Amino acid sequence: MSAKLTIDASPRRPDVRDDYAVRFQGHSIGRVRLDDAGWVWSITIPMALPDWAEGVTASRDDSFKALASAWGRLLSQTSPERLQRAWDLEKAFETREQKLSAAQPDAGPGS
């Protein structure tokens, strides 16, 4: 792959440190987080993924680099149509979750 990949990372939740959501061209593609083993990174799109789509490194920056490298490798080995199906599945899941959340009554005192 000749072009440089650009991925975006942001905290998954504002109140949790050292846990990042990773995006590529507006799509959620992975996660980088700190745990007892070190900095864990993984590609998290809804499709079967090879063993090399996740790993552990000693630093946050190394995890972002490893994830970007694995993502580039996955892009070169996966058809655009297959990736689109994975993102369509993810969007359908998000839409379903939003509908379920909206249908749930607020839990008040005594619930």
PDB file of N, CA and C in Angstrom:
ATOM      1  N   MET A   1       0.854  -1.171   0.000  1.00  0.00           N
ATOM      2  CA  MET A   1       0.000   0.000   0.000  1.00  0.00           C
ATOM      3  C   MET A   1       0.898   1.231   0.000  1.00  0.00           C
ATOM      4  N   SER A   2       0.751   2.077  -0.995  1.00  0.00           N
ATOM      5  CA  SER A   2       1.668   3.193  -1.145  1.00  0.00           C
ATOM      6  C   SER A   2       1.226   4.439  -0.394  1.00  0.00           C
ATOM      7  N   ALA A   3      -0.046   4.670  -0.247  1.00  0.00           N
ATOM      8  CA  ALA A   3      -0.534   5.866   0.438  1.00  0.00           C
ATOM      9  C   ALA A   3      -0.458   5.680   1.948  1.00  0.00           C
ATOM     10  N   LYS A   4      -0.200   6.791   2.624  1.00  0.00           N
ATOM     11  CA  LYS A   4      -0.157   6.748   4.084  1.00  0.00           C
ATOM     12  C   LYS A   4      -1.579   6.659   4.628  1.00  0.00           C
ATOM     13  N   LEU A   5      -1.786   5.774   5.584  1.00  0.00           N
ATOM     14  CA  LEU A   5      -3.094   5.634   6.222  1.00  0.00           C
ATOM     15  C   LEU A   5      -3.243   6.671   7.315  1.00  0.00           C
ATOM     16  N   THR A   6      -4.410   7.238   7.419  1.00  0.00           N
ATOM     17  CA  THR A   6      -4.704   8.156   8.509  1.00  0.00           C
ATOM     18  C   THR A   6      -5.851   7.579   9.317  1.00  0.00           C
ATOM     19  N   ILE A   7      -5.585   7.342  10.593  1.00  0.00           N
ATOM     20  CA  ILE A   7      -6.633   6.886  11.486  1.00  0.00           C
ATOM     21  C   ILE A   7      -6.834   7.959  12.547  1.00  0.00           C
ATOM     22  N   ASP A   8      -8.048   8.041  13.049  1.00  0.00           N
ATOM     23  CA  ASP A   8      -8.381   8.995  14.098  1.00  0.00           C
ATOM     24  C   ASP A   8      -8.667   8.223  15.369  1.00  0.00           C
ATOM     25  N   ALA A   9      -8.223   8.764  16.483  1.00  0.00           N
ATOM     26  CA  ALA A   9      -8.486   8.130  17.771  1.00  0.00           C
ATOM     27  C   ALA A   9      -9.038   9.173  18.727  1.00  0.00           C
ATOM     28  N   SER A  10      -9.977   8.729  19.539  1.00  0.00           N
ATOM     29  CA  SER A  10     -10.536   9.603  20.566  1.00  0.00           C
ATOM     30  C   SER A  10     -10.911   8.736  21.760  1.00  0.00           C
ATOM     31  N   PRO A  11     -10.951   9.344  22.953  1.00  0.00           N
ATOM     32  CA  PRO A  11     -11.362   8.550  24.112  1.00  0.00           C
ATOM     33  C   PRO A  11     -12.742   7.934  23.868  1.00  0.00           C
ATOM     34  N   ARG A  12     -12.892   6.679  24.257  1.00  0.00           N
ATOM     35  CA  ARG A  12     -14.198   6.019  24.087  1.00  0.00           C
ATOM     36  C   ARG A  12     -15.255   6.694  24.937  1.00  0.00           C
ATOM     37  N   ARG A  13     -14.871   7.104  26.134  1.00  0.00           N
ATOM     38  CA  ARG A  13     -15.774   7.846  27.023  1.00  0.00           C
ATOM     39  C   ARG A  13     -14.947   8.922  27.703  1.00  0.00           C
ATOM     40  N   PRO A  14     -15.511  10.096  27.895  1.00  0.00           N
ATOM     41  CA  PRO A  14     -14.727  11.191  28.473  1.00  0.00           C
ATOM     42  C   PRO A  14     -14.235  10.923  29.889  1.00  0.00           C
ATOM     43  N   ASP A  15     -14.922  10.066  30.625  1.00  0.00           N
ATOM     44  CA  ASP A  15     -14.552   9.815  32.015  1.00  0.00           C
ATOM     45  C   ASP A  15     -13.613   8.619  32.201  1.00  0.00           C
ATOM     46  N   VAL A  16     -13.183   7.988  31.100  1.00  0.00           N
ATOM     47  CA  VAL A  16     -12.304   6.822  31.185  1.00  0.00           C
ATOM     48  C   VAL A  16     -11.000   7.139  30.455  1.00  0.00           C
ATOM     49  N   ARG A  17      -9.893   7.022  31.185  1.00  0.00           N
ATOM     50  CA  ARG A  17      -8.586   7.275  30.582  1.00  0.00           C
ATOM     51  C   ARG A  17      -8.042   6.009  29.926  1.00  0.00           C
ATOM     52  N   ASP A  18      -7.170   6.208  28.987  1.00  0.00           N
ATOM     53  CA  ASP A  18      -6.410   5.116  28.373  1.00  0.00           C
ATOM     54  C   ASP A  18      -7.273   4.064  27.691  1.00  0.00           C
ATOM     55  N   ASP A  19      -8.336   4.512  27.028  1.00  0.00           N
ATOM     56  CA  ASP A  19      -9.216   3.628  26.259  1.00  0.00           C
ATOM     57  C   ASP A  19      -9.703   4.439  25.061  1.00  0.00           C
ATOM     58  N   TYR A  20      -9.243   4.063  23.860  1.00  0.00           N
ATOM     59  CA  TYR A  20      -9.472   4.871  22.670  1.00  0.00           C
ATOM     60  C   TYR A  20     -10.248   4.112  21.602  1.00  0.00           C
ATOM     61  N   ALA A  21     -11.192   4.797  20.998  1.00  0.00           N
ATOM     62  CA  ALA A  21     -11.882   4.297  19.817  1.00  0.00           C
ATOM     63  C   ALA A  21     -11.088   4.763  18.605  1.00  0.00           C
ATOM     64  N   VAL A  22     -10.928   3.889  17.628  1.00  0.00           N
ATOM     65  CA  VAL A  22     -10.145   4.215  16.441  1.00  0.00           C
ATOM     66  C   VAL A  22     -11.064   4.173  15.227  1.00  0.00           C
ATOM     67  N   ARG A  23     -10.953   5.227  14.392  1.00  0.00           N
ATOM     68  CA  ARG A  23     -11.800   5.363  13.218  1.00  0.00           C
ATOM     69  C   ARG A  23     -10.949   5.552  11.965  1.00  0.00           C
ATOM     70  N   PHE A  24     -11.517   5.130  10.841  1.00  0.00           N
ATOM     71  CA  PHE A  24     -10.891   5.309   9.538  1.00  0.00           C
ATOM     72  C   PHE A  24     -11.975   5.738   8.572  1.00  0.00           C
ATOM     73  N   GLN A  25     -11.802   6.898   7.966  1.00  0.00           N
ATOM     74  CA  GLN A  25     -12.774   7.434   7.009  1.00  0.00           C
ATOM     75  C   GLN A  25     -14.198   7.397   7.562  1.00  0.00           C
ATOM     76  N   GLY A  26     -14.346   7.768   8.836  1.00  0.00           N
ATOM     77  CA  GLY A  26     -15.662   7.839   9.457  1.00  0.00           C
ATOM     78  C   GLY A  26     -16.218   6.531   9.989  1.00  0.00           C
ATOM     79  N   HIS A  27     -15.477   5.448   9.822  1.00  0.00           N
ATOM     80  CA  HIS A  27     -15.937   4.133  10.280  1.00  0.00           C
ATOM     81  C   HIS A  27     -15.161   3.707  11.525  1.00  0.00           C
ATOM     82  N   SER A  28     -15.863   3.130  12.472  1.00  0.00           N
ATOM     83  CA  SER A  28     -15.213   2.559  13.640  1.00  0.00           C
ATOM     84  C   SER A  28     -14.470   1.305  13.196  1.00  0.00           C
ATOM     85  N   ILE A  29     -13.160   1.253  13.501  1.00  0.00           N
ATOM     86  CA  ILE A  29     -12.380   0.080  13.060  1.00  0.00           C
ATOM     87  C   ILE A  29     -11.650  -0.620  14.187  1.00  0.00           C
ATOM     88  N   GLY A  30     -11.532   0.018  15.358  1.00  0.00           N
ATOM     89  CA  GLY A  30     -10.753  -0.660  16.379  1.00  0.00           C
ATOM     90  C   GLY A  30     -10.726   0.050  17.713  1.00  0.00           C
ATOM     91  N   ARG A  31      -9.853  -0.480  18.547  1.00  0.00           N
ATOM     92  CA  ARG A  31      -9.739   0.008  19.921  1.00  0.00           C
ATOM     93  C   ARG A  31      -8.294  -0.146  20.387  1.00  0.00           C
ATOM     94  N   VAL A  32      -7.839   0.837  21.159  1.00  0.00           N
ATOM     95  CA  VAL A  32      -6.542   0.783  21.840  1.00  0.00           C
ATOM     96  C   VAL A  32      -6.812   1.101  23.296  1.00  0.00           C
ATOM     97  N   ARG A  33      -6.314   0.233  24.197  1.00  0.00           N
ATOM     98  CA  ARG A  33      -6.572   0.463  25.618  1.00  0.00           C
ATOM     99  C   ARG A  33      -5.425  -0.091  26.447  1.00  0.00           C
ATOM    100  N   LEU A  34      -5.293   0.467  27.633  1.00  0.00           N
ATOM    101  CA  LEU A  34      -4.277   0.003  28.568  1.00  0.00           C
ATOM    102  C   LEU A  34      -4.903  -1.007  29.519  1.00  0.00           C
ATOM    103  N   ASP A  35      -4.247  -2.153  29.684  1.00  0.00           N
ATOM    104  CA  ASP A  35      -4.670  -3.111  30.707  1.00  0.00           C
ATOM    105  C   ASP A  35      -3.428  -3.690  31.374  1.00  0.00           C
ATOM    106  N   ASP A  36      -3.593  -4.695  32.199  1.00  0.00           N
ATOM    107  CA  ASP A  36      -2.467  -5.260  32.964  1.00  0.00           C
ATOM    108  C   ASP A  36      -1.352  -5.807  32.070  1.00  0.00           C
ATOM    109  N   ALA A  37      -1.685  -6.241  30.866  1.00  0.00           N
ATOM    110  CA  ALA A  37      -0.694  -6.821  29.959  1.00  0.00           C
ATOM    111  C   ALA A  37       0.103  -5.753  29.208  1.00  0.00           C
ATOM    112  N   GLY A  38      -0.401  -4.535  29.145  1.00  0.00           N
ATOM    113  CA  GLY A  38       0.230  -3.462  28.380  1.00  0.00           C
ATOM    114  C   GLY A  38      -0.824  -2.750  27.561  1.00  0.00           C
ATOM    115  N   TRP A  39      -0.397  -2.159  26.461  1.00  0.00           N
ATOM    116  CA  TRP A  39      -1.327  -1.472  25.566  1.00  0.00           C
ATOM    117  C   TRP A  39      -1.874  -2.475  24.558  1.00  0.00           C
ATOM    118  N   VAL A  40      -3.161  -2.762  24.675  1.00  0.00           N
ATOM    119  CA  VAL A  40      -3.834  -3.745  23.834  1.00  0.00           C
ATOM    120  C   VAL A  40      -4.487  -3.014  22.669  1.00  0.00           C
ATOM    121  N   TRP A  41      -4.284  -3.533  21.478  1.00  0.00           N
ATOM    122  CA  TRP A  41      -4.930  -2.956  20.303  1.00  0.00           C
ATOM    123  C   TRP A  41      -5.675  -4.053  19.566  1.00  0.00           C
ATOM    124  N   SER A  42      -6.751  -3.685  18.887  1.00  0.00           N
ATOM    125  CA  SER A  42      -7.494  -4.674  18.109  1.00  0.00           C
ATOM    126  C   SER A  42      -8.328  -3.991  17.042  1.00  0.00           C
ATOM    127  N   ILE A  43      -8.436  -4.664  15.919  1.00  0.00           N
ATOM    128  CA  ILE A  43      -9.380  -4.267  14.887  1.00  0.00           C
ATOM    129  C   ILE A  43     -10.704  -4.900  15.289  1.00  0.00           C
ATOM    130  N   THR A  44     -11.780  -4.117  15.252  1.00  0.00           N
ATOM    131  CA  THR A  44     -13.049  -4.596  15.804  1.00  0.00           C
ATOM    132  C   THR A  44     -14.208  -4.449  14.828  1.00  0.00           C
ATOM    133  N   ILE A  45     -13.976  -4.695  13.554  1.00  0.00           N
ATOM    134  CA  ILE A  45     -15.088  -4.631  12.615  1.00  0.00           C
ATOM    135  C   ILE A  45     -15.811  -5.975  12.622  1.00  0.00           C
ATOM    136  N   PRO A  46     -17.121  -5.970  12.336  1.00  0.00           N
ATOM    137  CA  PRO A  46     -17.901  -7.206  12.460  1.00  0.00           C
ATOM    138  C   PRO A  46     -17.726  -8.157  11.273  1.00  0.00           C
ATOM    139  N   MET A  47     -16.600  -8.843  11.282  1.00  0.00           N
ATOM    140  CA  MET A  47     -16.330  -9.887  10.299  1.00  0.00           C
ATOM    141  C   MET A  47     -15.226 -10.776  10.871  1.00  0.00           C
ATOM    142  N   ALA A  48     -15.054 -11.937  10.296  1.00  0.00           N
ATOM    143  CA  ALA A  48     -13.982 -12.823  10.742  1.00  0.00           C
ATOM    144  C   ALA A  48     -12.652 -12.140  10.486  1.00  0.00           C
ATOM    145  N   LEU A  49     -11.809 -12.139  11.502  1.00  0.00           N
ATOM    146  CA  LEU A  49     -10.523 -11.455  11.406  1.00  0.00           C
ATOM    147  C   LEU A  49      -9.383 -12.428  11.697  1.00  0.00           C
ATOM    148  N   PRO A  50      -8.238 -12.210  11.068  1.00  0.00           N
ATOM    149  CA  PRO A  50      -7.085 -13.081  11.328  1.00  0.00           C
ATOM    150  C   PRO A  50      -6.473 -12.798  12.700  1.00  0.00           C
ATOM    151  N   ASP A  51      -5.637 -13.722  13.154  1.00  0.00           N
ATOM    152  CA  ASP A  51      -4.985 -13.573  14.457  1.00  0.00           C
ATOM    153  C   ASP A  51      -4.155 -12.298  14.558  1.00  0.00           C
ATOM    154  N   TRP A  52      -3.581 -11.854  13.452  1.00  0.00           N
ATOM    155  CA  TRP A  52      -2.731 -10.665  13.486  1.00  0.00           C
ATOM    156  C   TRP A  52      -3.522  -9.360  13.573  1.00  0.00           C
ATOM    157  N   ALA A  53      -4.834  -9.423  13.726  1.00  0.00           N
ATOM    158  CA  ALA A  53      -5.674  -8.223  13.829  1.00  0.00           C
ATOM    159  C   ALA A  53      -5.787  -7.720  15.264  1.00  0.00           C
ATOM    160  N   GLU A  54      -4.931  -8.226  16.152  1.00  0.00           N
ATOM    161  CA  GLU A  54      -4.901  -7.751  17.533  1.00  0.00           C
ATOM    162  C   GLU A  54      -3.531  -8.034  18.120  1.00  0.00           C
ATOM    163  N   GLY A  55      -3.202  -7.298  19.177  1.00  0.00           N
ATOM    164  CA  GLY A  55      -1.908  -7.514  19.795  1.00  0.00           C
ATOM    165  C   GLY A  55      -1.715  -6.650  21.023  1.00  0.00           C
ATOM    166  N   VAL A  56      -0.536  -6.736  21.613  1.00  0.00           N
ATOM    167  CA  VAL A  56      -0.180  -5.978  22.811  1.00  0.00           C
ATOM    168  C   VAL A  56       1.186  -5.351  22.560  1.00  0.00           C
ATOM    169  N   THR A  57       1.340  -4.092  22.954  1.00  0.00           N
ATOM    170  CA  THR A  57       2.624  -3.408  22.837  1.00  0.00           C
ATOM    171  C   THR A  57       2.961  -2.730  24.165  1.00  0.00           C
ATOM    172  N   ALA A  58       4.164  -2.179  24.232  1.00  0.00           N
ATOM    173  CA  ALA A  58       4.618  -1.532  25.468  1.00  0.00           C
ATOM    174  C   ALA A  58       4.134  -0.089  25.597  1.00  0.00           C
ATOM    175  N   SER A  59       3.763   0.546  24.481  1.00  0.00           N
ATOM    176  CA  SER A  59       3.349   1.947  24.563  1.00  0.00           C
ATOM    177  C   SER A  59       2.083   2.201  23.746  1.00  0.00           C
ATOM    178  N   ARG A  60       1.413   3.277  24.100  1.00  0.00           N
ATOM    179  CA  ARG A  60       0.204   3.676  23.374  1.00  0.00           C
ATOM    180  C   ARG A  60       0.530   3.963  21.913  1.00  0.00           C
ATOM    181  N   ASP A  61       1.584   4.731  21.666  1.00  0.00           N
ATOM    182  CA  ASP A  61       1.947   5.062  20.284  1.00  0.00           C
ATOM    183  C   ASP A  61       2.268   3.817  19.471  1.00  0.00           C
ATOM    184  N   ASP A  62       2.969   2.856  20.078  1.00  0.00           N
ATOM    185  CA  ASP A  62       3.265   1.608  19.371  1.00  0.00           C
ATOM    186  C   ASP A  62       1.983   0.847  19.035  1.00  0.00           C
ATOM    187  N   SER A  63       0.994   0.913  19.927  1.00  0.00           N
ATOM    188  CA  SER A  63      -0.278   0.241  19.646  1.00  0.00           C
ATOM    189  C   SER A  63      -1.005   0.892  18.478  1.00  0.00           C
ATOM    190  N   PHE A  64      -1.003   2.232  18.432  1.00  0.00           N
ATOM    191  CA  PHE A  64      -1.630   2.912  17.295  1.00  0.00           C
ATOM    192  C   PHE A  64      -0.912   2.562  15.997  1.00  0.00           C
ATOM    193  N   LYS A  65       0.409   2.505  16.029  1.00  0.00           N
ATOM    194  CA  LYS A  65       1.175   2.142  14.834  1.00  0.00           C
ATOM    195  C   LYS A  65       0.885   0.707  14.410  1.00  0.00           C
ATOM    196  N   ALA A  66       0.828  -0.204  15.378  1.00  0.00           N
ATOM    197  CA  ALA A  66       0.553  -1.611  15.064  1.00  0.00           C
ATOM    198  C   ALA A  66      -0.847  -1.777  14.494  1.00  0.00           C
ATOM    199  N   LEU A  67      -1.820  -1.079  15.072  1.00  0.00           N
ATOM    200  CA  LEU A  67      -3.182  -1.164  14.560  1.00  0.00           C
ATOM    201  C   LEU A  67      -3.241  -0.594  13.149  1.00  0.00           C
ATOM    202  N   ALA A  68      -2.605   0.536  12.903  1.00  0.00           N
ATOM    203  CA  ALA A  68      -2.604   1.134  11.565  1.00  0.00           C
ATOM    204  C   ALA A  68      -1.960   0.196  10.545  1.00  0.00           C
ATOM    205  N   SER A  69      -0.874  -0.450  10.927  1.00  0.00           N
ATOM    206  CA  SER A  69      -0.207  -1.391  10.034  1.00  0.00           C
ATOM    207  C   SER A  69      -1.114  -2.583   9.720  1.00  0.00           C
ATOM    208  N   ALA A  70      -1.738  -3.141  10.753  1.00  0.00           N
ATOM    209  CA  ALA A  70      -2.655  -4.272  10.551  1.00  0.00           C
ATOM    210  C   ALA A  70      -3.854  -3.841   9.713  1.00  0.00           C
ATOM    211  N   TRP A  71      -4.343  -2.629   9.944  1.00  0.00           N
ATOM    212  CA  TRP A  71      -5.481  -2.133   9.165  1.00  0.00           C
ATOM    213  C   TRP A  71      -5.097  -2.015   7.689  1.00  0.00           C
ATOM    214  N   GLY A  72      -3.918  -1.484   7.412  1.00  0.00           N
ATOM    215  CA  GLY A  72      -3.445  -1.399   6.031  1.00  0.00           C
ATOM    216  C   GLY A  72      -3.358  -2.775   5.391  1.00  0.00           C
ATOM    217  N   ARG A  73      -2.872  -3.734   6.144  1.00  0.00           N
ATOM    218  CA  ARG A  73      -2.783  -5.104   5.641  1.00  0.00           C
ATOM    219  C   ARG A  73      -4.174  -5.667   5.361  1.00  0.00           C
ATOM    220  N   LEU A  74      -5.114  -5.425   6.284  1.00  0.00           N
ATOM    221  CA  LEU A  74      -6.484  -5.907   6.090  1.00  0.00           C
ATOM    222  C   LEU A  74      -7.120  -5.255   4.868  1.00  0.00           C
ATOM    223  N   LEU A  75      -6.906  -3.942   4.692  1.00  0.00           N
ATOM    224  CA  LEU A  75      -7.452  -3.248   3.525  1.00  0.00           C
ATOM    225  C   LEU A  75      -6.930  -3.853   2.230  1.00  0.00           C
ATOM    226  N   SER A  76      -5.656  -4.224   2.212  1.00  0.00           N
ATOM    227  CA  SER A  76      -5.070  -4.779   0.985  1.00  0.00           C
ATOM    228  C   SER A  76      -5.560  -6.199   0.693  1.00  0.00           C
ATOM    229  N   GLN A  77      -6.085  -6.876   1.717  1.00  0.00           N
ATOM    230  CA  GLN A  77      -6.507  -8.269   1.540  1.00  0.00           C
ATOM    231  C   GLN A  77      -8.028  -8.446   1.512  1.00  0.00           C
ATOM    232  N   THR A  78      -8.769  -7.363   1.677  1.00  0.00           N
ATOM    233  CA  THR A  78     -10.223  -7.459   1.775  1.00  0.00           C
ATOM    234  C   THR A  78     -10.865  -6.596   0.698  1.00  0.00           C
ATOM    235  N   SER A  79     -11.856  -7.142   0.030  1.00  0.00           N
ATOM    236  CA  SER A  79     -12.520  -6.367  -1.025  1.00  0.00           C
ATOM    237  C   SER A  79     -13.330  -5.218  -0.412  1.00  0.00           C
ATOM    238  N   PRO A  80     -13.454  -4.117  -1.134  1.00  0.00           N
ATOM    239  CA  PRO A  80     -14.278  -3.009  -0.643  1.00  0.00           C
ATOM    240  C   PRO A  80     -15.727  -3.436  -0.371  1.00  0.00           C
ATOM    241  N   GLU A  81     -16.226  -4.364  -1.170  1.00  0.00           N
ATOM    242  CA  GLU A  81     -17.597  -4.847  -0.963  1.00  0.00           C
ATOM    243  C   GLU A  81     -17.741  -5.576   0.370  1.00  0.00           C
ATOM    244  N   ARG A  82     -16.731  -6.369   0.730  1.00  0.00           N
ATOM    245  CA  ARG A  82     -16.770  -7.094   2.008  1.00  0.00           C
ATOM    246  C   ARG A  82     -16.706  -6.125   3.179  1.00  0.00           C
ATOM    247  N   LEU A  83     -15.868  -5.118   3.084  1.00  0.00           N
ATOM    248  CA  LEU A  83     -15.803  -4.106   4.139  1.00  0.00           C
ATOM    249  C   LEU A  83     -17.121  -3.353   4.256  1.00  0.00           C
ATOM    250  N   GLN A  84     -17.729  -3.034   3.120  1.00  0.00           N
ATOM    251  CA  GLN A  84     -19.008  -2.323   3.159  1.00  0.00           C
ATOM    252  C   GLN A  84     -20.071  -3.175   3.835  1.00  0.00           C
ATOM    253  N   ARG A  85     -20.091  -4.480   3.571  1.00  0.00           N
ATOM    254  CA  ARG A  85     -21.058  -5.361   4.249  1.00  0.00           C
ATOM    255  C   ARG A  85     -20.841  -5.343   5.756  1.00  0.00           C
ATOM    256  N   ALA A  86     -19.583  -5.335   6.189  1.00  0.00           N
ATOM    257  CA  ALA A  86     -19.291  -5.290   7.628  1.00  0.00           C
ATOM    258  C   ALA A  86     -19.800  -3.979   8.225  1.00  0.00           C
ATOM    259  N   TRP A  87     -19.551  -2.859   7.533  1.00  0.00           N
ATOM    260  CA  TRP A  87     -20.012  -1.575   8.053  1.00  0.00           C
ATOM    261  C   TRP A  87     -21.528  -1.442   8.009  1.00  0.00           C
ATOM    262  N   ASP A  88     -22.170  -2.050   7.013  1.00  0.00           N
ATOM    263  CA  ASP A  88     -23.636  -2.060   6.973  1.00  0.00           C
ATOM    264  C   ASP A  88     -24.191  -2.838   8.157  1.00  0.00           C
ATOM    265  N   LEU A  89     -23.567  -3.965   8.479  1.00  0.00           N
ATOM    266  CA  LEU A  89     -23.977  -4.755   9.633  1.00  0.00           C
ATOM    267  C   LEU A  89     -23.811  -3.952  10.920  1.00  0.00           C
ATOM    268  N   GLU A  90     -22.692  -3.267  11.054  1.00  0.00           N
ATOM    269  CA  GLU A  90     -22.446  -2.447  12.228  1.00  0.00           C
ATOM    270  C   GLU A  90     -23.508  -1.345  12.350  1.00  0.00           C
ATOM    271  N   LYS A  91     -23.839  -0.699  11.244  1.00  0.00           N
ATOM    272  CA  LYS A  91     -24.845   0.365  11.247  1.00  0.00           C
ATOM    273  C   LYS A  91     -26.216  -0.194  11.648  1.00  0.00           C
ATOM    274  N   ALA A  92     -26.575  -1.358  11.139  1.00  0.00           N
ATOM    275  CA  ALA A  92     -27.846  -1.980  11.499  1.00  0.00           C
ATOM    276  C   ALA A  92     -27.891  -2.281  12.992  1.00  0.00           C
ATOM    277  N   PHE A  93     -26.785  -2.764  13.547  1.00  0.00           N
ATOM    278  CA  PHE A  93     -26.724  -3.051  14.979  1.00  0.00           C
ATOM    279  C   PHE A  93     -26.897  -1.769  15.792  1.00  0.00           C
ATOM    280  N   GLU A  94     -26.185  -0.698  15.392  1.00  0.00           N
ATOM    281  CA  GLU A  94     -26.297   0.586  16.102  1.00  0.00           C
ATOM    282  C   GLU A  94     -27.728   1.119  16.051  1.00  0.00           C
ATOM    283  N   THR A  95     -28.360   1.025  14.892  1.00  0.00           N
ATOM    284  CA  THR A  95     -29.744   1.488  14.745  1.00  0.00           C
ATOM    285  C   THR A  95     -30.675   0.690  15.649  1.00  0.00           C
ATOM    286  N   ARG A  96     -30.480  -0.621  15.701  1.00  0.00           N
ATOM    287  CA  ARG A  96     -31.314  -1.476  16.560  1.00  0.00           C
ATOM    288  C   ARG A  96     -31.125  -1.102  18.031  1.00  0.00           C
ATOM    289  N   GLU A  97     -29.867  -0.892  18.443  1.00  0.00           N
ATOM    290  CA  GLU A  97     -29.589  -0.516  19.829  1.00  0.00           C
ATOM    291  C   GLU A  97     -30.247   0.821  20.181  1.00  0.00           C
ATOM    292  N   GLN A  98     -30.203   1.785  19.255  1.00  0.00           N
ATOM    293  CA  GLN A  98     -30.823   3.085  19.497  1.00  0.00           C
ATOM    294  C   GLN A  98     -32.336   2.945  19.657  1.00  0.00           C
ATOM    295  N   LYS A  99     -32.944   2.118  18.825  1.00  0.00           N
ATOM    296  CA  LYS A  99     -34.398   1.902  18.917  1.00  0.00           C
ATOM    297  C   LYS A  99     -34.762   1.224  20.228  1.00  0.00           C
ATOM    298  N   LEU A 100     -33.965   0.236  20.643  1.00  0.00           N
ATOM    299  CA  LEU A 100     -34.233  -0.448  21.908  1.00  0.00           C
ATOM    300  C   LEU A 100     -34.078   0.505  23.088  1.00  0.00           C
ATOM    301  N   SER A 101     -33.054   1.347  23.045  1.00  0.00           N
ATOM    302  CA  SER A 101     -32.851   2.318  24.134  1.00  0.00           C
ATOM    303  C   SER A 101     -33.998   3.320  24.205  1.00  0.00           C
ATOM    304  N   ALA A 102     -34.457   3.764  23.048  1.00  0.00           N
ATOM    305  CA  ALA A 102     -35.556   4.744  23.022  1.00  0.00           C
ATOM    306  C   ALA A 102     -36.867   4.124  23.508  1.00  0.00           C
ATOM    307  N   ALA A 103     -37.031   2.816  23.312  1.00  0.00           N
ATOM    308  CA  ALA A 103     -38.273   2.153  23.709  1.00  0.00           C
ATOM    309  C   ALA A 103     -38.313   1.816  25.194  1.00  0.00           C
ATOM    310  N   GLN A 104     -37.181   1.850  25.871  1.00  0.00           N
ATOM    311  CA  GLN A 104     -37.119   1.497  27.289  1.00  0.00           C
ATOM    312  C   GLN A 104     -37.581   2.684  28.123  1.00  0.00           C
ATOM    313  N   PRO A 105     -38.519   2.472  29.037  1.00  0.00           N
ATOM    314  CA  PRO A 105     -38.929   3.566  29.922  1.00  0.00           C
ATOM    315  C   PRO A 105     -37.799   3.937  30.879  1.00  0.00           C
ATOM    316  N   ASP A 106     -37.759   5.195  31.270  1.00  0.00           N
ATOM    317  CA  ASP A 106     -36.744   5.624  32.236  1.00  0.00           C
ATOM    318  C   ASP A 106     -36.972   4.886  33.553  1.00  0.00           C
ATOM    319  N   ALA A 107     -35.872   4.440  34.129  1.00  0.00           N
ATOM    320  CA  ALA A 107     -35.950   3.755  35.425  1.00  0.00           C
ATOM    321  C   ALA A 107     -35.930   4.826  36.519  1.00  0.00           C
ATOM    322  N   GLY A 108     -37.003   4.956  37.219  1.00  0.00           N
ATOM    323  CA  GLY A 108     -37.079   5.949  38.281  1.00  0.00           C
ATOM    324  C   GLY A 108     -36.954   5.283  39.647  1.00  0.00           C
ATOM    325  N   PRO A 109     -37.100   6.040  40.711  1.00  0.00           N
ATOM    326  CA  PRO A 109     -37.045   5.474  42.051  1.00  0.00           C
ATOM    327  C   PRO A 109     -38.101   4.377  42.227  1.00  0.00           C
ATOM    328  N   GLY A 110     -37.692   3.337  42.858  1.00  0.00           N
ATOM    329  CA  GLY A 110     -38.620   2.231  43.118  1.00  0.00           C
ATOM    330  C   GLY A 110     -38.735   1.245  41.978  1.00  0.00           C
ATOM    331  N   SER A 111     -37.997   1.468  40.891  1.00  0.00           N
ATOM    332  CA  SER A 111     -38.067   0.557  39.741  1.00  0.00           C
ATOM    333  C   SER A 111     -37.216  -0.656  39.971  1.00  0.00           C
TER     334      SER A 111
END
